[in-house]
Protein backbone atom coordinates (compact mmCIF):
# COMPACT_ATOMS: atom_id res chain seq x y z
CA MET A 1 0.00 0.00 0.00
CA ALA A 2 1.44 3.36 -1.06
CA LYS A 3 1.58 6.24 1.35
CA ARG A 4 -0.35 9.34 0.39
CA LYS A 5 1.33 12.72 0.38
CA ILE A 6 -0.36 14.96 2.94
CA ILE A 7 -0.90 18.46 1.57
CA LYS A 8 -1.64 21.28 3.97
CA MET A 9 -4.76 23.11 2.81
CA SER A 10 -5.20 26.87 3.07
CA LYS A 11 -7.33 28.08 5.98
CA TYR A 12 -9.74 30.17 3.89
CA ARG A 13 -9.90 28.27 0.62
CA LYS A 14 -9.58 24.70 -0.40
CA PHE A 15 -6.27 25.49 -2.07
CA PRO A 16 -3.12 23.49 -1.34
CA GLN A 17 -0.65 25.50 0.71
CA ASP A 18 2.39 24.34 -1.23
CA LYS A 19 0.89 25.62 -4.49
CA TYR A 20 -0.04 28.89 -2.78
CA GLU A 21 3.60 29.51 -1.89
CA ASP A 22 4.69 28.81 -5.47
CA MET A 23 2.33 31.42 -6.91
CA GLY A 24 3.50 34.74 -8.22
CA LEU A 25 3.00 37.99 -6.36
CA VAL A 26 -0.06 39.00 -8.40
CA ARG A 27 -1.85 35.71 -7.75
CA ARG A 28 -1.16 35.94 -4.00
CA ILE A 29 -2.54 39.49 -3.90
CA GLU A 30 -5.63 38.35 -5.83
CA ARG A 31 -6.23 35.57 -3.28
CA LYS A 32 -5.93 37.99 -0.36
CA LEU A 33 -8.25 40.54 -1.99
CA ASP A 34 -10.74 37.79 -2.75
CA ARG A 35 -11.09 37.17 0.98
CA VAL A 36 -12.21 40.76 1.66
CA ASN A 37 -14.34 41.14 -1.47
CA HIS A 38 -17.61 41.74 0.40
CA ILE A 39 -16.09 44.42 2.60
CA MET A 40 -14.75 46.23 -0.48
CA GLU A 41 -18.20 46.11 -2.10
CA LEU A 42 -19.75 47.60 1.03
CA VAL A 43 -17.20 50.41 1.06
CA ARG A 44 -17.81 51.06 -2.65
CA THR A 45 -21.51 51.44 -1.87
CA ILE A 46 -21.26 53.59 1.25
CA VAL A 47 -18.60 56.08 0.11
CA PRO A 48 -20.53 57.45 -2.92
CA ILE A 49 -23.67 57.83 -0.81
CA MET A 50 -21.72 59.79 1.81
CA LEU A 51 -20.18 61.98 -0.90
CA LEU A 52 -23.60 62.68 -2.41
CA ILE A 53 -24.93 63.79 0.98
CA LEU A 54 -21.85 65.94 1.56
CA ASN A 55 -22.23 67.59 -1.86
CA CYS A 56 -25.87 68.37 -1.13
CA VAL A 57 -24.92 69.99 2.18
CA ILE A 58 -22.20 72.06 0.51
CA LEU A 59 -24.56 73.22 -2.25
CA ALA A 60 -27.24 74.07 0.32
CA LYS A 61 -24.72 76.20 2.26
CA ILE A 62 -23.54 77.95 -0.92
CA PHE A 63 -27.09 78.93 -1.86
CA ASN A 64 -27.98 79.85 1.76
CA LEU A 65 -30.66 77.19 2.07
CA ILE A 66 -29.41 76.07 5.48
């Protein structure tokens, strides 16, 4: 009976750790950004809404509405 090679799996993805270390810099950065994808989408949604509100306040102050 042949022994199987035990491969350490990544904590967040089902991706072998030894292959993860052999990846290039761009692929490693993509994997790390993929983990926080939902947070980035939330930030991309909230920031424009905040800027729109801020622009409305600035325009209201310019035209002496508030």
